[in-house]
Amino acid sequence: MKLGARTAAVVAVAVLAAGCQDGGDGEAQPSAGASDPTTTATAPVPSSARPSTPETTTALPQGPVRLAVAGTVATGIEVPWGLDFLPDGSALVAERDSGRIKRVAGGQAAEVGTVDGVDPSSEGGLLGLAVDPQYPRRPYVYVYYSTGDDNRIARLTYQGNRISQQQVILDGIPVAAVHNGGRLTFGPDGYLYAGTGDGREEPNSQSDESLGGKILRITTEGQAAPGNPGGRRWFSKGHRNVQGVAFGGNQLYAAEFGQDEWDELNAITNGANYGWPAAEGISGLDGMVDPIAQWRTDDASPSGIAFAQGHIFMAGLRGERLWAIPVTDGRRTGEPQAFFTGEFGRLRTVEAAPDGSLWLTTSNTDGRGDTRDGDDRILRITISR
């Protein structure tokens, strides 16, 4: 569906690098800069900076950040989706189709239990995972998952390397084979944020009474957090399919799947309307907020995002690359860089690790990728300048 006039021209960016070439399929080959010199991205920038026609360049000047693959954290994980860290530096990871949660430590991924009621589909199953910010005083883990009737958020007790006492704190989120959203994160305010999809029913995104096509903000009991619009459980609306949410300071960012033309990175504010289904990408529609960056769907199809060193890092599924977007206080402050294009296949989740690195998961066993030996894997990515 193509609705809304585009008010910003496409800015073709020369994606930055430092003499790096595509490194093939090796886990530990360093990539000092961007690996795709022709990818385009757009966001509101001064008109003087917009070329009249897209440019393609083979010059790859050094950019503001450099990424390198420091090694493989773990292999043999089936469709890793949600991932979050425990205070000891280990991590819990959710497997979408099996419903299992695994603890990753010391290069091994050991099962700690299975979430009840998971009904996997093309894009549904066990999705987001977030550790309580007061763990272990509050020994809880929160998960977002699909059932045969809806998407739900549940709280699990995690003690002794086992999950138990599954309690649904929110249900009734629209479900479909696709457009389920699913990412969870805690904000600096202590509330739980969840990205949802429209469940293939576009009116859900604009309906104040639907949980679909929204970013939710709830308490750890599943109630509406104080200050939400109209006392509802949602924080923003007008989304198509949000699979990436992350905070940079107090600013929330979200990555969103477009339909046919534009994938988006949005800066989220309380009560704002992000346009779907009237808008896809930068559209300039009254009362609706444009993204701060957009990409052709071939170049992104974004899922997880993370914030580190003044950048949003955004994993691309169809785009098979990791984007680095410089941001400050909800504004994009430079051109996005693309890293590892095609080196590891589909990329699903990226999280900032306690040691300052990024953990990046592949998603080649999800039925849409080409599986490679060791897939799916978690890679450890270091950041430098």
Protein backbone atom coordinates (compact mmCIF):
# COMPACT_ATOMS: atom_id res chain seq x y z
CA MET A 1 0.00 0.00 0.00
CA LYS A 2 1.56 3.30 -1.10
CA LEU A 3 -0.04 6.29 0.59
CA GLY A 4 1.23 9.80 1.30
CA ALA A 5 3.45 12.07 -0.75
CA ARG A 6 7.15 11.72 -0.18
CA THR A 7 8.50 15.09 0.91
CA ALA A 8 12.14 14.17 1.21
CA ALA A 9 14.37 13.01 -1.62
CA VAL A 10 16.42 9.86 -1.35
CA VAL A 11 19.90 10.60 -0.10
CA ALA A 12 22.40 8.15 -1.54
CA VAL A 13 25.19 7.61 0.92
CA ALA A 14 28.70 6.43 0.35
CA VAL A 15 28.84 3.90 3.15
CA LEU A 16 32.06 4.35 5.05
CA ALA A 17 34.90 1.93 5.61
CA ALA A 18 38.62 1.64 6.24
CA GLY A 19 39.93 -0.55 3.47
CA CYS A 20 37.77 -3.57 4.32
CA GLN A 21 36.46 -6.11 1.83
CA ASP A 22 33.69 -8.63 2.40
CA GLY A 23 35.21 -11.29 4.63
CA GLY A 24 33.23 -14.34 3.53
CA ASP A 25 31.79 -16.77 6.05
CA GLY A 26 34.47 -16.81 8.74
CA GLU A 27 33.27 -15.89 12.21
CA ALA A 28 36.36 -14.01 13.30
CA GLN A 29 37.36 -12.08 10.20
CA PRO A 30 37.57 -8.39 11.13
CA SER A 31 35.51 -5.84 9.26
CA ALA A 32 37.01 -2.44 9.95
CA GLY A 33 34.38 -0.53 8.06
CA ALA A 34 31.27 -0.75 5.96
CA SER A 35 31.04 -3.54 3.45
CA ASP A 36 28.48 -2.17 0.98
CA PRO A 37 29.39 1.03 -0.89
CA THR A 38 26.05 1.53 -2.64
CA THR A 39 23.34 1.19 0.00
CA THR A 40 20.99 4.17 0.34
CA ALA A 41 19.34 5.60 3.42
CA THR A 42 17.26 8.69 3.97
CA ALA A 43 16.28 11.06 6.74
CA PRO A 44 15.45 14.75 7.03
CA VAL A 45 18.64 16.62 6.16
CA PRO A 46 19.28 20.14 4.81
CA SER A 47 18.19 20.53 1.18
CA SER A 48 21.69 21.58 0.20
CA ALA A 49 22.91 18.13 1.24
CA ARG A 50 20.46 16.27 -1.00
CA PRO A 51 21.84 15.29 -4.43
CA SER A 52 19.36 15.50 -7.27
CA THR A 53 20.12 11.92 -8.30
CA PRO A 54 21.46 8.96 -6.31
CA GLU A 55 25.21 8.54 -6.40
CA THR A 56 27.26 5.36 -6.40
CA THR A 57 30.84 5.50 -5.28
CA THR A 58 33.67 3.04 -4.82
CA ALA A 59 35.59 5.40 -2.52
CA LEU A 60 35.28 4.19 1.05
CA PRO A 61 36.68 6.82 3.42
CA GLN A 62 37.09 5.95 7.07
CA GLY A 63 33.92 6.52 9.03
CA PRO A 64 33.17 7.57 12.60
CA VAL A 65 33.01 4.00 13.91
CA ARG A 66 34.80 0.78 13.08
CA LEU A 67 33.40 -2.65 13.83
CA ALA A 68 35.26 -5.94 13.99
CA VAL A 69 34.17 -9.50 14.67
CA ALA A 70 36.08 -10.52 17.79
CA GLY A 71 34.84 -14.10 17.74
CA THR A 72 31.89 -16.44 18.03
CA VAL A 73 30.11 -16.55 21.39
CA ALA A 74 27.99 -19.64 20.69
CA THR A 75 26.75 -21.77 17.80
CA GLY A 76 23.93 -24.20 17.10
CA ILE A 77 21.07 -22.04 18.41
CA GLU A 78 17.75 -22.46 16.60
CA VAL A 79 16.31 -19.14 15.43
CA PRO A 80 17.59 -16.95 18.29
CA TRP A 81 15.25 -14.00 18.84
CA GLY A 82 15.15 -12.33 22.27
CA LEU A 83 18.42 -11.87 24.16
CA ASP A 84 19.31 -10.10 27.39
CA PHE A 85 22.16 -10.13 29.87
CA LEU A 86 22.35 -11.29 33.47
CA PRO A 87 24.45 -9.44 36.06
CA ASP A 88 27.24 -12.04 35.80
CA GLY A 89 27.76 -11.24 32.11
CA SER A 90 26.09 -14.38 30.78
CA ALA A 91 22.97 -14.02 28.67
CA LEU A 92 19.58 -15.63 28.19
CA VAL A 93 18.44 -16.20 24.62
CA ALA A 94 15.00 -17.24 23.34
CA GLU A 95 14.59 -19.73 20.49
CA ARG A 96 11.61 -18.68 18.40
CA ASP A 97 10.33 -22.01 17.10
CA SER A 98 11.23 -24.39 19.95
CA GLY A 99 10.02 -22.12 22.75
CA ARG A 100 13.22 -22.86 24.66
CA ILE A 101 15.31 -20.41 26.65
CA LYS A 102 19.05 -21.01 26.82
CA ARG A 103 21.76 -19.52 28.99
CA VAL A 104 24.89 -18.59 27.07
CA ALA A 105 28.12 -18.66 29.08
CA GLY A 106 31.65 -19.82 28.43
CA GLY A 107 30.97 -20.47 24.77
CA GLN A 108 28.11 -22.87 25.54
CA ALA A 109 24.35 -22.53 25.26
CA ALA A 110 22.52 -24.65 27.87
CA GLU A 111 18.75 -24.99 28.04
CA VAL A 112 17.11 -23.56 31.17
CA GLY A 113 13.50 -24.36 30.29
CA THR A 114 10.66 -24.05 27.78
CA VAL A 115 7.91 -21.44 27.70
CA ASP A 116 4.46 -23.03 27.76
CA GLY A 117 1.90 -22.32 25.06
CA VAL A 118 4.22 -21.12 22.29
CA ASP A 119 2.69 -21.59 18.83
CA PRO A 120 5.37 -20.87 16.20
CA SER A 121 4.54 -19.62 12.71
CA SER A 122 6.27 -17.80 9.88
CA GLU A 123 7.10 -14.88 12.18
CA GLY A 124 5.52 -15.94 15.46
CA GLY A 125 6.73 -18.00 18.39
CA LEU A 126 8.91 -17.20 21.38
CA LEU A 127 10.09 -13.68 20.58
CA GLY A 128 11.30 -10.96 22.94
CA LEU A 129 13.05 -11.51 26.26
CA ALA A 130 14.01 -9.01 28.98
CA VAL A 131 15.64 -9.54 32.36
CA ASP A 132 14.18 -7.58 35.26
CA PRO A 133 16.47 -4.57 35.87
CA GLN A 134 16.45 -5.39 39.61
CA TYR A 135 17.57 -8.99 39.10
CA PRO A 136 18.43 -10.97 41.24
CA ARG A 137 16.52 -9.11 43.97
CA ARG A 138 13.55 -9.54 41.65
CA PRO A 139 14.41 -12.88 39.99
CA TYR A 140 12.23 -12.42 36.93
CA VAL A 141 12.51 -12.70 33.18
CA TYR A 142 9.81 -11.39 30.82
CA VAL A 143 8.96 -12.96 27.46
CA TYR A 144 6.77 -12.07 24.50
CA TYR A 145 5.30 -15.04 22.66
CA SER A 146 2.64 -16.13 20.18
CA THR A 147 -0.18 -18.56 21.00
CA GLY A 148 -2.91 -19.84 18.72
CA ASP A 149 -5.16 -16.97 19.85
CA ASP A 150 -2.98 -13.95 20.57
CA ASN A 151 0.45 -12.63 21.47
CA ARG A 152 1.20 -12.47 25.19
CA ILE A 153 3.73 -11.17 27.67
CA ALA A 154 4.57 -13.43 30.59
CA ARG A 155 6.77 -13.19 33.65
CA LEU A 156 8.97 -16.14 34.56
CA THR A 157 10.96 -16.81 37.69
CA TYR A 158 14.60 -17.57 36.88
CA GLN A 159 16.58 -19.15 39.69
CA GLY A 160 19.10 -21.97 39.85
CA ASN A 161 19.53 -21.87 36.08
CA ARG A 162 15.87 -22.86 35.55
CA ILE A 163 12.73 -20.98 34.60
CA SER A 164 9.50 -21.63 36.48
CA GLN A 165 6.21 -20.08 37.61
CA GLN A 166 5.11 -18.72 34.23
CA GLN A 167 2.53 -15.98 34.74
CA VAL A 168 0.79 -14.12 31.89
CA ILE A 169 0.75 -10.41 32.66
CA LEU A 170 -0.74 -9.22 29.35
CA ASP A 171 -2.67 -10.98 26.60
CA GLY A 172 -4.88 -9.93 23.70
CA ILE A 173 -2.11 -8.57 21.46
CA PRO A 174 -3.16 -9.33 17.84
CA VAL A 175 -1.50 -12.42 16.35
CA ALA A 176 -1.02 -13.63 12.78
CA ALA A 177 1.50 -15.68 10.86
CA VAL A 178 3.36 -12.40 10.34
CA HIS A 179 3.37 -8.86 11.83
CA ASN A 180 3.66 -9.95 15.45
CA GLY A 181 6.26 -7.43 16.62
CA GLY A 182 7.75 -8.93 19.75
CA ARG A 183 10.75 -7.00 21.07
CA LEU A 184 10.95 -6.21 24.80
CA THR A 185 13.16 -3.78 26.71
CA PHE A 186 13.11 -2.02 30.04
CA GLY A 187 13.36 1.76 30.01
CA PRO A 188 15.36 3.92 32.42
CA ASP A 189 12.02 4.64 34.09
CA GLY A 190 11.76 0.98 35.12
CA TYR A 191 8.77 0.21 32.89
CA LEU A 192 8.60 -2.53 30.28
CA TYR A 193 8.34 -1.48 26.62
CA ALA A 194 7.09 -3.84 23.90
CA GLY A 195 6.92 -3.40 20.14
CA THR A 196 3.83 -4.97 18.56
CA GLY A 197 2.64 -5.55 14.99
CA ASP A 198 -0.69 -4.87 13.37
CA GLY A 199 -1.44 -8.61 13.08
CA ARG A 200 -2.15 -8.14 9.37
CA GLU A 201 -5.12 -5.92 10.26
CA GLU A 202 -4.08 -2.38 9.33
CA PRO A 203 -6.83 -0.57 11.30
CA ASN A 204 -5.32 -1.92 14.54
CA SER A 205 -2.44 0.51 14.23
CA GLN A 206 -4.68 3.57 14.50
CA SER A 207 -7.28 2.14 16.89
CA ASP A 208 -6.78 3.45 20.40
CA GLU A 209 -8.46 0.32 21.75
CA SER A 210 -6.17 -2.20 20.04
CA LEU A 211 -2.78 -3.31 21.36
CA GLY A 212 -1.64 -3.98 17.78
CA GLY A 213 0.62 -1.65 15.81
CA LYS A 214 1.81 0.04 18.98
CA ILE A 215 4.71 0.44 21.35
CA LEU A 216 3.40 -0.61 24.74
CA ARG A 217 4.61 0.75 28.08
CA ILE A 218 3.50 -1.32 31.02
CA THR A 219 4.34 -2.13 34.63
CA THR A 220 5.85 -5.47 35.63
CA GLU A 221 2.30 -6.51 36.54
CA GLY A 222 1.07 -5.76 33.01
CA GLN A 223 -0.85 -2.59 33.83
CA ALA A 224 -0.68 0.72 31.97
CA ALA A 225 2.34 2.70 33.11
CA PRO A 226 1.60 6.14 34.58
CA GLY A 227 1.60 8.91 31.98
CA ASN A 228 0.54 6.79 29.01
CA PRO A 229 -1.96 8.42 26.60
CA GLY A 230 -5.47 8.18 28.01
CA GLY A 231 -4.31 5.77 30.70
CA ARG A 232 -3.96 3.04 28.08
CA ARG A 233 -1.20 0.47 27.81
CA TRP A 234 0.29 1.95 24.66
CA PHE A 235 2.89 4.70 24.43
CA SER A 236 2.85 5.36 20.67
CA LYS A 237 0.71 4.20 17.75
CA GLY A 238 0.62 4.08 13.96
CA HIS A 239 3.22 1.32 13.63
CA ARG A 240 3.16 -1.56 11.14
CA ASN A 241 5.51 -4.11 12.71
CA VAL A 242 7.98 -3.03 15.40
CA GLN A 243 10.70 -5.61 16.06
CA GLY A 244 13.41 -3.34 17.44
CA VAL A 245 13.26 -1.09 20.51
CA ALA A 246 16.18 0.41 22.43
CA PHE A 247 16.99 3.39 24.61
CA GLY A 248 19.80 5.86 24.06
CA GLY A 249 19.77 7.66 27.38
CA ASN A 250 16.15 8.64 27.96
CA GLN A 251 15.29 8.56 24.26
CA LEU A 252 13.46 5.54 22.86
CA TYR A 253 14.18 4.40 19.30
CA ALA A 254 12.28 1.80 17.27
CA ALA A 255 12.94 -0.08 14.03
CA GLU A 256 9.95 -0.93 11.89
CA PHE A 257 9.29 -3.14 8.88
CA GLY A 258 7.82 -1.34 5.89
CA GLN A 259 5.51 -2.99 3.39
CA ASP A 260 7.09 -2.66 -0.05
CA GLU A 261 9.09 0.56 -0.08
CA TRP A 262 10.54 1.90 3.16
CA ASP A 263 11.81 0.40 6.40
CA GLU A 264 12.12 2.92 9.22
CA LEU A 265 14.07 4.02 12.27
CA ASN A 266 11.88 6.18 14.47
CA ALA A 267 12.53 8.35 17.51
CA ILE A 268 9.60 7.65 19.81
CA THR A 269 7.75 10.21 21.91
CA ASN A 270 4.80 9.75 24.23
CA GLY A 271 1.48 9.76 22.40
CA ALA A 272 2.90 10.26 18.91
CA ASN A 273 1.35 8.76 15.77
CA TYR A 274 3.84 7.25 13.30
CA GLY A 275 1.46 7.08 10.40
CA TRP A 276 0.75 3.51 9.37
CA PRO A 277 -1.25 2.68 7.27
CA ALA A 278 -1.51 6.21 5.84
CA ALA A 279 2.26 6.57 5.64
CA GLU A 280 5.19 4.32 4.84
CA GLY A 281 8.49 6.13 5.28
CA ILE A 282 8.96 9.90 5.12
CA SER A 283 5.58 11.28 4.07
CA GLY A 284 5.09 14.69 5.68
CA LEU A 285 1.51 14.00 6.73
CA ASP A 286 -0.11 16.36 9.23
CA GLY A 287 -0.31 14.94 12.74
CA MET A 288 2.03 12.05 11.96
CA VAL A 289 5.72 11.73 12.78
CA ASP A 290 8.25 10.89 10.06
CA PRO A 291 11.13 8.47 10.66
CA ILE A 292 14.62 9.84 11.26
CA ALA A 293 16.00 7.38 8.69
CA GLN A 294 14.56 5.06 6.08
CA TRP A 295 15.84 2.29 3.84
CA ARG A 296 14.65 0.29 0.87
CA THR A 297 13.37 -3.04 2.12
CA ASP A 298 16.09 -4.92 0.21
CA ASP A 299 18.72 -3.06 2.24
CA ALA A 300 17.29 -3.55 5.70
CA SER A 301 14.14 -5.44 6.82
CA PRO A 302 15.20 -4.55 10.35
CA SER A 303 14.66 -6.50 13.53
CA GLY A 304 16.68 -5.84 16.69
CA ILE A 305 18.43 -2.59 17.55
CA ALA A 306 20.88 -1.54 20.27
CA PHE A 307 22.43 1.76 21.37
CA ALA A 308 26.16 2.18 22.00
CA GLN A 309 28.73 4.96 21.56
CA GLY A 310 26.27 7.47 20.14
CA HIS A 311 24.91 5.07 17.51
CA ILE A 312 21.87 2.93 16.99
CA PHE A 313 23.00 -0.44 15.66
CA MET A 314 20.28 -2.10 13.59
CA ALA A 315 20.30 -5.73 12.42
CA GLY A 316 18.99 -6.42 8.92
CA LEU A 317 17.29 -9.65 7.89
CA ARG A 318 16.74 -9.37 4.16
CA GLY A 319 19.50 -6.74 4.04
CA GLU A 320 21.98 -9.15 5.69
CA ARG A 321 23.97 -6.32 7.27
CA LEU A 322 24.40 -4.38 10.49
CA TRP A 323 23.63 -0.69 10.21
CA ALA A 324 25.25 1.95 12.43
CA ILE A 325 23.23 5.18 12.62
CA PRO A 326 24.67 8.17 14.55
CA VAL A 327 22.02 9.78 16.76
CA THR A 328 21.70 12.41 19.47
CA ASP A 329 18.54 13.12 21.46
CA GLY A 330 16.24 11.63 18.83
CA ARG A 331 17.97 13.22 15.83
CA ARG A 332 20.10 11.53 13.21
CA THR A 333 23.44 13.32 13.14
CA GLY A 334 25.19 11.68 10.19
CA GLU A 335 24.92 9.10 7.46
CA PRO A 336 24.32 5.44 8.33
CA GLN A 337 27.11 2.92 7.78
CA ALA A 338 26.58 -0.70 6.72
CA PHE A 339 28.80 -3.48 8.05
CA PHE A 340 29.25 -7.20 7.30
CA THR A 341 27.00 -7.10 4.23
CA GLY A 342 26.32 -10.69 3.18
CA GLU A 343 29.06 -12.13 5.41
CA PHE A 344 26.87 -13.97 7.90
CA GLY A 345 23.47 -14.05 6.22
CA ARG A 346 20.33 -12.81 7.94
CA LEU A 347 20.93 -10.80 11.12
CA ARG A 348 18.16 -10.73 13.72
CA THR A 349 19.17 -9.41 17.13
CA VAL A 350 21.85 -7.04 18.39
CA GLU A 351 22.38 -6.17 22.05
CA ALA A 352 24.94 -4.04 23.89
CA ALA A 353 26.98 -6.31 26.17
CA PRO A 354 28.26 -5.30 29.63
CA ASP A 355 31.86 -5.21 28.36
CA GLY A 356 31.07 -2.58 25.72
CA SER A 357 30.89 -4.97 22.79
CA LEU A 358 27.82 -5.97 20.78
CA TRP A 359 26.34 -9.45 20.60
CA LEU A 360 24.86 -10.08 17.16
CA THR A 361 22.74 -13.10 16.22
CA THR A 362 22.19 -14.66 12.82
CA SER A 363 18.77 -15.90 11.70
CA ASN A 364 19.55 -18.38 8.93
CA THR A 365 17.56 -21.29 10.39
CA ASP A 366 14.26 -19.38 10.30
CA GLY A 367 13.12 -20.84 6.97
CA ARG A 368 14.07 -17.77 4.94
CA GLY A 369 17.86 -17.99 4.91
CA ASP A 370 20.65 -20.22 3.70
CA THR A 371 21.89 -22.24 6.66
CA ARG A 372 25.65 -22.39 7.16
CA ASP A 373 27.74 -24.65 9.36
CA GLY A 374 27.30 -23.57 12.98
CA ASP A 375 24.09 -21.63 12.43
CA ASP A 376 22.52 -20.02 14.11
CA ARG A 377 25.32 -18.27 15.97
CA ILE A 378 25.99 -15.33 18.24
CA LEU A 379 28.92 -13.12 17.20
CA ARG A 380 30.83 -10.74 19.43
CA ILE A 381 31.44 -7.37 17.75
CA THR A 382 33.88 -4.75 19.04
CA ILE A 383 33.47 -1.02 18.41
CA SER A 384 36.29 1.46 17.90
CA ARG A 385 36.82 4.84 16.29
